[in-house]
Amino acid sequence: MTEDQACSSASAVCRISVRSTQPRSLPAHAAKTLRKWGRRIVKRDVLLGILLVLALPLSGCATTSGGPGQSADSGDDEVYDPFESYNRVIFRFNDEFDRFVLKPVAEAYSYVLPRPVKNSVSRFFNNLLGPTVVVNDLLQGKLKQSAADTGRFVINSTIGVVGLFDPAKPLGLTPHNQDFGLTLGVWGLHAGPYIVWPILGPSNLRDSIGLVGDYYTYPVNYLKDSKSRWGLRILDAVDTRANLLGATNVLEQAAGPDRYLFLREAYFQHRLNQIYDGNPPQPKFDDELMDDSATPSDGGGASPPVSAPNPKDQASPAH
């Protein structure tokens, strides 16, 4: 073998060895799928991490001695709103979006569809909340209610044709409203600052964290077809707005000059009422103020007459 042949043979061996050590590239469609799911996972984990970090100061001062059913909001009398200027900007944006986009679409939707069809659509989306309700029943220790809600979901999903009908209601299986924000409140996490999200509307830090759990228990989010997934989300929003058309005029009349404050307080009271299953604690008054008002004035004057007890107060149950 000549020197040139030996060199060429050595070069060929080197090229073969280099090729064998290079990693094989994935097919284009597989690499695209991995990148897509990787971005989704990173976005969700980053969002969850940010929300949990923001919630750490709240959880550190949360009151949990009351056990299940006792919220950390039991002593709160006011809404904590440090971002009011920002919230008002988003509130005005949401108000304009509703006025020029969502409300007209909801009105057309309500005008075109017959009432039985709209009722079936509403029942369909309410039935999709069944897994979220059942999971949060269990997390709150409501075992009996969880069993009832499971039976309701199964019956309406099968006999009721994926929730278009409600055969479970005549059986005594009434619907319940539950979400992860309520569960965190039952566990003792404070509501935190009031937040108005674009499009989504009023919320607070605790309920915003709960949206992460609600996402993973909502069946629509597991649809692979993005068009079907977004189509159902939009239809759900339009159907929900159509069901609230009758309350729009009442809200405008009751809200007064500042609709932002009215809706903020209404949201706070609504969530507090849900956490305590319709029986929230009574607000606590200042003991010193009550003592001063009950003390008779000096100067020898006669004590004020004692009013007769109110029959309604006697009939109210003790807390």
Protein backbone atom coordinates (compact mmCIF):
# COMPACT_ATOMS: atom_id res chain seq x y z
CA MET A 1 0.00 0.00 0.00
CA THR A 2 1.41 3.36 -1.02
CA GLU A 3 1.56 6.37 1.25
CA ASP A 4 -1.27 8.14 -0.62
CA GLN A 5 -3.56 5.13 -0.30
CA ALA A 6 -2.85 4.89 3.41
CA CYS A 7 -3.70 8.56 3.93
CA SER A 8 -6.95 8.28 1.99
CA SER A 9 -7.95 5.19 3.98
CA ALA A 10 -7.21 6.99 7.22
CA SER A 11 -9.28 9.98 6.12
CA ALA A 12 -12.24 7.75 5.27
CA VAL A 13 -12.03 6.08 8.67
CA CYS A 14 -11.97 9.49 10.37
CA ARG A 15 -15.04 10.67 8.44
CA ILE A 16 -16.95 7.51 9.34
CA SER A 17 -16.05 7.84 13.01
CA VAL A 18 -17.09 11.51 13.10
CA ARG A 19 -20.43 10.75 11.46
CA SER A 20 -21.10 7.91 13.89
CA THR A 21 -20.52 10.18 16.89
CA GLN A 22 -22.86 12.94 15.71
CA PRO A 23 -26.35 12.83 17.29
CA ARG A 24 -29.23 12.00 15.04
CA SER A 25 -31.73 14.81 14.54
CA LEU A 26 -35.41 14.24 15.26
CA PRO A 27 -37.95 14.37 12.45
CA ALA A 28 -39.27 17.86 11.76
CA HIS A 29 -42.81 17.17 13.01
CA ALA A 30 -41.54 15.55 16.23
CA ALA A 31 -39.18 18.44 16.96
CA LYS A 32 -41.99 20.95 16.32
CA THR A 33 -44.32 19.09 18.70
CA LEU A 34 -41.69 18.95 21.44
CA ARG A 35 -40.94 22.66 21.12
CA LYS A 36 -44.67 23.48 21.22
CA TRP A 37 -45.34 21.48 24.39
CA GLY A 38 -42.11 22.73 25.95
CA ARG A 39 -43.20 26.33 25.55
CA ARG A 40 -46.60 25.52 27.06
CA ILE A 41 -45.10 23.81 30.08
CA VAL A 42 -42.61 26.61 30.68
CA LYS A 43 -45.30 29.30 30.45
CA ARG A 44 -47.61 27.46 32.87
CA ASP A 45 -44.84 26.68 35.34
CA VAL A 46 -43.58 30.27 35.27
CA LEU A 47 -47.10 31.63 35.84
CA LEU A 48 -47.75 29.18 38.66
CA GLY A 49 -44.40 30.00 40.25
CA ILE A 50 -45.05 33.75 40.15
CA LEU A 51 -48.52 33.38 41.67
CA LEU A 52 -47.27 31.07 44.42
CA VAL A 53 -44.42 33.43 45.31
CA LEU A 54 -46.87 36.33 45.52
CA ALA A 55 -49.12 34.22 47.75
CA LEU A 56 -46.43 33.27 50.29
CA PRO A 57 -46.88 36.42 52.42
CA LEU A 58 -50.61 35.78 52.47
CA SER A 59 -50.32 32.16 53.49
CA GLY A 60 -47.92 33.06 56.28
CA CYS A 61 -50.54 35.19 58.02
CA ALA A 62 -53.54 33.04 57.17
CA THR A 63 -55.71 31.84 60.02
CA THR A 64 -56.34 28.10 59.89
CA SER A 65 -57.32 27.39 63.47
CA GLY A 66 -60.97 27.36 62.53
CA GLY A 67 -60.60 24.20 60.48
CA PRO A 68 -62.46 23.47 57.27
CA GLY A 69 -65.15 25.97 56.46
CA GLN A 70 -63.46 28.83 58.32
CA SER A 71 -61.97 31.41 55.97
CA ALA A 72 -59.16 33.81 56.58
CA ASP A 73 -61.59 36.54 55.51
CA SER A 74 -63.73 36.07 58.63
CA GLY A 75 -62.35 39.27 60.15
CA ASP A 76 -62.09 41.33 56.95
CA ASP A 77 -64.54 44.21 56.66
CA GLU A 78 -63.00 46.03 53.70
CA VAL A 79 -61.62 45.10 50.31
CA TYR A 80 -57.86 45.51 50.01
CA ASP A 81 -57.41 47.52 46.80
CA PRO A 82 -53.85 48.89 46.53
CA PHE A 83 -54.00 48.82 42.70
CA GLU A 84 -57.16 50.89 42.39
CA SER A 85 -55.78 53.25 39.74
CA TYR A 86 -54.71 50.33 37.55
CA ASN A 87 -57.92 48.44 38.26
CA ARG A 88 -60.03 51.39 37.21
CA VAL A 89 -58.24 51.59 33.87
CA ILE A 90 -58.87 47.90 33.21
CA PHE A 91 -62.43 48.29 34.45
CA ARG A 92 -63.09 51.02 31.88
CA PHE A 93 -61.55 48.85 29.15
CA ASN A 94 -63.74 45.90 30.12
CA ASP A 95 -66.78 48.17 30.24
CA GLU A 96 -66.13 49.44 26.70
CA PHE A 97 -65.40 45.94 25.45
CA ASP A 98 -68.70 44.73 26.87
CA ARG A 99 -70.62 47.70 25.49
CA PHE A 100 -69.34 47.52 21.92
CA VAL A 101 -68.46 43.83 21.48
CA LEU A 102 -69.71 41.31 24.00
CA LYS A 103 -73.15 42.73 24.79
CA PRO A 104 -74.21 43.21 21.11
CA VAL A 105 -73.08 39.66 20.30
CA ALA A 106 -74.96 38.32 23.34
CA GLU A 107 -78.09 40.22 22.32
CA ALA A 108 -77.93 38.79 18.79
CA TYR A 109 -77.30 35.32 20.23
CA SER A 110 -80.30 35.67 22.56
CA TYR A 111 -82.50 36.97 19.73
CA VAL A 112 -81.65 34.22 17.23
CA LEU A 113 -81.72 31.13 19.42
CA PRO A 114 -85.00 29.87 20.93
CA ARG A 115 -85.21 29.71 24.70
CA PRO A 116 -85.05 25.86 24.89
CA VAL A 117 -81.87 25.83 22.82
CA LYS A 118 -80.22 28.50 24.97
CA ASN A 119 -81.17 26.60 28.11
CA SER A 120 -79.58 23.45 26.73
CA VAL A 121 -76.39 25.33 25.86
CA SER A 122 -76.21 26.75 29.38
CA ARG A 123 -76.77 23.32 30.91
CA PHE A 124 -74.03 21.88 28.68
CA PHE A 125 -71.42 24.34 29.94
CA ASN A 126 -72.59 24.02 33.54
CA ASN A 127 -72.14 20.27 33.26
CA LEU A 128 -68.55 20.74 32.07
CA LEU A 129 -67.80 22.32 35.46
CA GLY A 130 -68.67 19.01 37.14
CA PRO A 131 -65.06 17.74 37.54
CA THR A 132 -63.98 21.05 39.08
CA VAL A 133 -66.88 20.94 41.53
CA VAL A 134 -66.24 17.33 42.55
CA VAL A 135 -62.49 17.83 43.09
CA ASN A 136 -63.01 20.93 45.22
CA ASP A 137 -65.73 19.22 47.23
CA LEU A 138 -63.16 16.59 48.17
CA LEU A 139 -60.46 19.16 48.92
CA GLN A 140 -62.85 20.97 51.27
CA GLY A 141 -63.82 17.74 53.07
CA LYS A 142 -67.42 17.75 51.80
CA LEU A 143 -67.61 14.03 51.11
CA LYS A 144 -71.40 13.76 50.97
CA GLN A 145 -71.69 16.71 48.61
CA SER A 146 -68.87 15.32 46.48
CA ALA A 147 -70.72 12.02 46.07
CA ALA A 148 -73.91 13.86 45.11
CA ASP A 149 -72.10 16.06 42.60
CA THR A 150 -70.37 13.02 41.11
CA GLY A 151 -73.74 11.30 40.62
CA ARG A 152 -75.15 14.46 39.09
CA PHE A 153 -72.27 14.74 36.62
CA VAL A 154 -72.51 11.08 35.59
CA ILE A 155 -76.28 11.14 35.12
CA ASN A 156 -76.33 14.38 33.14
CA SER A 157 -73.36 13.33 31.01
CA THR A 158 -75.01 10.07 29.99
CA ILE A 159 -78.79 10.17 30.28
CA GLY A 160 -78.77 13.96 29.88
CA VAL A 161 -76.77 13.75 26.61
CA VAL A 162 -73.52 15.48 27.67
CA GLY A 163 -75.44 17.88 29.87
CA LEU A 164 -77.94 19.21 27.32
CA PHE A 165 -80.67 18.07 29.70
CA ASP A 166 -80.81 17.90 33.49
CA PRO A 167 -82.41 14.60 34.57
CA ALA A 168 -80.45 14.70 37.84
CA LYS A 169 -82.32 17.70 39.23
CA PRO A 170 -85.69 15.91 39.65
CA LEU A 171 -83.77 13.26 41.59
CA GLY A 172 -82.76 15.84 44.18
CA LEU A 173 -79.19 16.29 42.89
CA THR A 174 -79.03 20.07 42.81
CA PRO A 175 -76.00 21.87 41.34
CA HIS A 176 -73.27 23.45 43.48
CA ASN A 177 -70.68 26.10 42.68
CA GLN A 178 -67.10 25.29 43.59
CA ASP A 179 -63.66 26.32 42.35
CA PHE A 180 -60.08 26.31 43.59
CA GLY A 181 -60.31 29.94 44.71
CA LEU A 182 -63.06 28.97 47.14
CA THR A 183 -61.03 26.00 48.33
CA LEU A 184 -58.05 28.24 49.11
CA GLY A 185 -60.41 30.51 51.06
CA VAL A 186 -61.77 27.57 53.06
CA TRP A 187 -58.19 26.50 53.79
CA GLY A 188 -57.48 29.91 55.30
CA LEU A 189 -55.68 31.86 52.57
CA HIS A 190 -56.46 35.56 52.63
CA ALA A 191 -58.10 37.09 49.58
CA GLY A 192 -55.19 39.44 49.02
CA PRO A 193 -55.36 42.52 46.83
CA TYR A 194 -58.35 43.11 44.59
CA ILE A 195 -57.48 42.68 40.90
CA VAL A 196 -59.42 43.46 37.74
CA TRP A 197 -58.19 41.35 34.83
CA PRO A 198 -58.73 42.29 31.19
CA ILE A 199 -61.80 40.51 29.78
CA LEU A 200 -62.00 38.18 32.83
CA GLY A 201 -63.18 40.95 35.14
CA PRO A 202 -63.03 41.23 38.96
CA SER A 203 -60.87 38.88 41.00
CA ASN A 204 -58.27 38.88 43.77
CA LEU A 205 -54.89 37.27 44.26
CA ARG A 206 -56.33 34.14 45.87
CA ASP A 207 -58.88 33.57 43.11
CA SER A 208 -56.23 34.29 40.47
CA ILE A 209 -54.09 31.49 41.89
CA GLY A 210 -57.17 29.27 41.86
CA LEU A 211 -57.52 29.79 38.10
CA VAL A 212 -54.50 27.53 37.62
CA GLY A 213 -56.30 24.62 39.27
CA ASP A 214 -59.52 25.44 37.44
CA TYR A 215 -57.65 25.24 34.13
CA TYR A 216 -56.53 21.66 34.67
CA THR A 217 -59.98 20.41 35.73
CA TYR A 218 -61.91 21.97 32.84
CA PRO A 219 -62.44 19.34 30.10
CA VAL A 220 -62.46 21.87 27.23
CA ASN A 221 -58.77 22.63 27.82
CA TYR A 222 -57.86 19.06 26.86
CA LEU A 223 -59.24 19.29 23.33
CA LYS A 224 -56.42 18.89 20.81
CA ASP A 225 -58.11 20.97 18.14
CA SER A 226 -57.42 24.61 18.98
CA LYS A 227 -60.34 25.85 16.87
CA SER A 228 -62.81 23.68 18.77
CA ARG A 229 -61.23 24.66 22.09
CA TRP A 230 -61.44 28.41 21.46
CA GLY A 231 -64.85 28.08 19.82
CA LEU A 232 -66.29 26.50 22.96
CA ARG A 233 -64.66 29.12 25.18
CA ILE A 234 -66.13 31.96 23.14
CA LEU A 235 -69.56 30.31 23.06
CA ASP A 236 -69.42 29.88 26.84
CA ALA A 237 -68.61 33.58 27.30
CA VAL A 238 -71.40 34.68 24.98
CA ASP A 239 -73.92 32.36 26.61
CA THR A 240 -72.95 33.60 30.08
CA ARG A 241 -73.31 37.23 28.99
CA ALA A 242 -76.68 36.48 27.37
CA ASN A 243 -77.95 35.08 30.67
CA LEU A 244 -77.01 38.37 32.38
CA LEU A 245 -78.73 40.69 29.91
CA GLY A 246 -81.78 41.03 32.17
CA ALA A 247 -79.63 42.19 35.08
CA THR A 248 -77.85 44.96 33.16
CA ASN A 249 -80.49 47.66 33.72
CA VAL A 250 -80.90 46.69 37.36
CA LEU A 251 -77.14 46.93 37.86
CA GLU A 252 -76.92 50.37 36.28
CA GLN A 253 -79.72 51.66 38.51
CA ALA A 254 -78.38 50.10 41.71
CA ALA A 255 -74.70 50.90 41.17
CA GLY A 256 -75.08 54.67 41.48
CA PRO A 257 -72.41 57.10 40.29
CA ASP A 258 -69.43 54.80 40.92
CA ARG A 259 -69.99 51.40 39.30
CA TYR A 260 -66.42 50.35 40.08
CA LEU A 261 -66.92 50.55 43.85
CA PHE A 262 -70.31 48.89 43.64
CA LEU A 263 -69.02 45.90 41.65
CA ARG A 264 -65.90 45.61 43.82
CA GLU A 265 -67.94 45.35 47.01
CA ALA A 266 -70.47 43.06 45.35
CA TYR A 267 -67.70 40.70 44.25
CA PHE A 268 -66.17 40.64 47.74
CA GLN A 269 -69.50 39.87 49.41
CA HIS A 270 -70.41 37.27 46.79
CA ARG A 271 -67.18 35.32 47.24
CA LEU A 272 -67.38 35.57 51.03
CA ASN A 273 -70.92 34.22 50.90
CA GLN A 274 -69.80 31.31 48.72
CA ILE A 275 -66.91 30.40 51.02
CA TYR A 276 -69.26 30.15 54.01
CA ASP A 277 -72.01 28.33 52.08
CA GLY A 278 -74.43 31.23 52.38
CA ASN A 279 -73.80 31.88 56.09
CA PRO A 280 -70.90 34.36 56.38
CA PRO A 281 -69.84 35.65 59.82
CA GLN A 282 -71.38 38.86 61.10
CA PRO A 283 -69.12 41.95 61.06
CA LYS A 284 -67.41 42.70 64.37
CA PHE A 285 -67.99 46.10 65.96
CA ASP A 286 -65.62 48.03 68.18
CA ASP A 287 -66.19 46.93 71.79
CA GLU A 288 -65.17 50.31 73.22
CA LEU A 289 -67.62 52.12 70.97
CA MET A 290 -70.40 49.78 72.05
CA ASP A 291 -69.50 50.32 75.73
CA ASP A 292 -69.51 54.11 75.38
CA SER A 293 -72.86 54.12 73.66
CA ALA A 294 -74.35 51.87 76.38
CA THR A 295 -73.04 53.98 79.34
CA PRO A 296 -75.66 56.44 80.74
CA SER A 297 -74.64 60.11 80.91
CA ASP A 298 -73.54 61.65 84.24
CA GLY A 299 -75.46 64.34 86.10
CA GLY A 300 -78.06 62.33 87.95
CA GLY A 301 -80.45 62.18 85.08
CA ALA A 302 -82.70 59.25 84.59
CA SER A 303 -81.38 56.35 82.60
CA PRO A 304 -82.72 56.04 79.10
CA PRO A 305 -85.57 53.58 78.76
CA VAL A 306 -84.67 50.10 77.68
CA SER A 307 -86.32 49.20 74.42
CA ALA A 308 -88.14 45.92 74.07
CA PRO A 309 -86.21 43.14 72.35
CA ASN A 310 -86.83 42.70 68.68
CA PRO A 311 -88.70 39.47 67.92
CA LYS A 312 -86.54 38.99 64.84
CA ASP A 313 -83.39 39.13 66.98
CA GLN A 314 -84.83 36.55 69.34
CA ALA A 315 -85.66 34.26 66.46
CA SER A 316 -82.25 34.48 64.80
CA PRO A 317 -80.01 31.49 65.53
CA ALA A 318 -76.94 31.98 67.63
CA HIS A 319 -73.61 31.88 65.82
